[in-house]
Amino acid sequence: MSKFEHFENLWEYCENFNKEENNDNLNIIKEISLKLSLYESLEKNENISANEKSTFKSKVLGEILWSITKLSYKENINVFTSLNNILNDNLIDHFSKKHNI
């Protein structure tokens, strides 16, 4: 059971947990890329059951997010604002396409 009630608190805790790590940004990006490749491999794998695949993919996605917290901390990026801005951009695009604007 998690001690966090809000995703933002969990994210900030993970960022602070990782602040002592001495990775440069390029190493973190490579780490994220490697984990994304693993996720892609799981997606393509037809030799494991759907249930096992879902379990593995959930774990790998958590690992990807963990690595992203390292990068967001090092770059001092407010991920809430970043994601919210991208959501707004996509909402505008979606609305424009839907209504032929």
Protein backbone atom coordinates (compact mmCIF):
# COMPACT_ATOMS: atom_id res chain seq x y z
CA MET A 1 0.00 0.00 0.00
CA SER A 2 1.31 3.41 -0.95
CA LYS A 3 1.75 6.17 1.57
CA PHE A 4 0.89 8.72 -1.13
CA GLU A 5 -2.63 9.86 -1.88
CA HIS A 6 -1.71 12.11 -4.80
CA PHE A 7 0.41 11.39 -7.83
CA GLU A 8 2.21 14.73 -7.48
CA ASN A 9 3.46 13.78 -4.00
CA LEU A 10 4.71 10.45 -5.27
CA TRP A 11 6.45 12.11 -8.23
CA GLU A 12 8.21 14.66 -6.01
CA TYR A 13 9.28 11.94 -3.58
CA CYS A 14 10.82 9.96 -6.43
CA GLU A 15 12.60 13.05 -7.74
CA ASN A 16 14.07 13.75 -4.32
CA PHE A 17 14.99 10.10 -3.81
CA ASN A 18 17.01 10.20 -7.02
CA LYS A 19 18.70 13.57 -6.46
CA GLU A 20 21.82 11.96 -4.99
CA GLU A 21 22.41 9.94 -8.16
CA ASN A 22 25.21 11.36 -10.21
CA ASN A 23 23.93 10.62 -13.72
CA ASP A 24 24.24 13.09 -16.54
CA ASN A 25 21.27 13.80 -18.75
CA LEU A 26 22.54 11.74 -21.68
CA ASN A 27 22.87 8.65 -19.48
CA ILE A 28 19.34 9.15 -18.19
CA ILE A 29 18.03 9.54 -21.75
CA LYS A 30 19.82 6.33 -22.76
CA GLU A 31 18.29 4.60 -19.75
CA ILE A 32 14.80 5.76 -20.78
CA SER A 33 15.44 4.69 -24.36
CA LEU A 34 16.58 1.24 -23.25
CA LYS A 35 13.48 0.80 -21.12
CA LEU A 36 11.26 1.94 -23.99
CA SER A 37 12.92 -0.67 -26.19
CA LEU A 38 12.18 -3.30 -23.57
CA TYR A 39 8.55 -2.17 -23.51
CA GLU A 40 8.44 -2.43 -27.30
CA SER A 41 9.87 -5.96 -27.12
CA LEU A 42 7.16 -6.94 -24.67
CA GLU A 43 4.54 -5.50 -26.99
CA LYS A 44 5.82 -7.61 -29.88
CA ASN A 45 6.31 -10.80 -27.86
CA GLU A 46 3.67 -13.40 -28.62
CA ASN A 47 5.21 -16.12 -26.46
CA ILE A 48 3.86 -14.92 -23.13
CA SER A 49 0.30 -14.79 -21.93
CA ALA A 50 -1.67 -11.55 -22.01
CA ASN A 51 -1.76 -11.54 -18.21
CA GLU A 52 2.02 -11.95 -17.88
CA LYS A 53 2.58 -9.35 -20.59
CA SER A 54 0.39 -6.89 -18.74
CA THR A 55 2.31 -7.51 -15.50
CA PHE A 56 5.69 -7.07 -17.18
CA LYS A 57 4.58 -3.97 -19.09
CA SER A 58 3.29 -2.37 -15.90
CA LYS A 59 6.67 -2.96 -14.24
CA VAL A 60 8.60 -1.58 -17.21
CA LEU A 61 6.35 1.47 -17.47
CA GLY A 62 7.02 2.14 -13.79
CA GLU A 63 10.75 1.89 -14.54
CA ILE A 64 10.35 4.39 -17.39
CA LEU A 65 8.53 6.82 -15.13
CA TRP A 66 11.21 6.30 -12.45
CA SER A 67 13.88 7.30 -14.96
CA ILE A 68 11.85 10.31 -16.11
CA THR A 69 11.73 11.54 -12.49
CA LYS A 70 15.54 11.62 -12.58
CA LEU A 71 15.48 13.80 -15.69
CA SER A 72 12.70 16.10 -14.49
CA TYR A 73 14.60 16.66 -11.24
CA LYS A 74 17.92 17.39 -12.95
CA GLU A 75 16.27 19.74 -15.44
CA ASN A 76 13.93 21.29 -12.84
CA ILE A 77 10.94 20.66 -15.09
CA ASN A 78 7.47 21.00 -13.67
CA VAL A 79 5.95 17.86 -15.17
CA PHE A 80 2.41 18.86 -14.20
CA THR A 81 2.70 22.07 -16.21
CA SER A 82 4.43 20.25 -19.09
CA LEU A 83 1.75 17.58 -19.32
CA ASN A 84 -1.08 20.07 -18.86
CA ASN A 85 0.28 22.26 -21.67
CA ILE A 86 0.53 19.29 -24.02
CA LEU A 87 -2.99 18.20 -23.09
CA ASN A 88 -4.27 21.67 -23.94
CA ASP A 89 -2.44 21.61 -27.28
CA ASN A 90 -3.95 18.24 -28.10
CA LEU A 91 -7.42 19.32 -27.04
CA ILE A 92 -7.17 22.27 -29.43
CA ASP A 93 -5.98 20.01 -32.25
CA HIS A 94 -8.73 17.50 -31.55
CA PHE A 95 -11.40 20.20 -31.45
CA SER A 96 -10.08 21.78 -34.66
CA LYS A 97 -10.11 18.45 -36.52
CA LYS A 98 -13.52 17.48 -35.17
CA HIS A 99 -15.08 20.76 -36.26
CA ASN A 100 -13.01 21.32 -39.43
CA ILE A 101 -11.55 24.57 -38.16
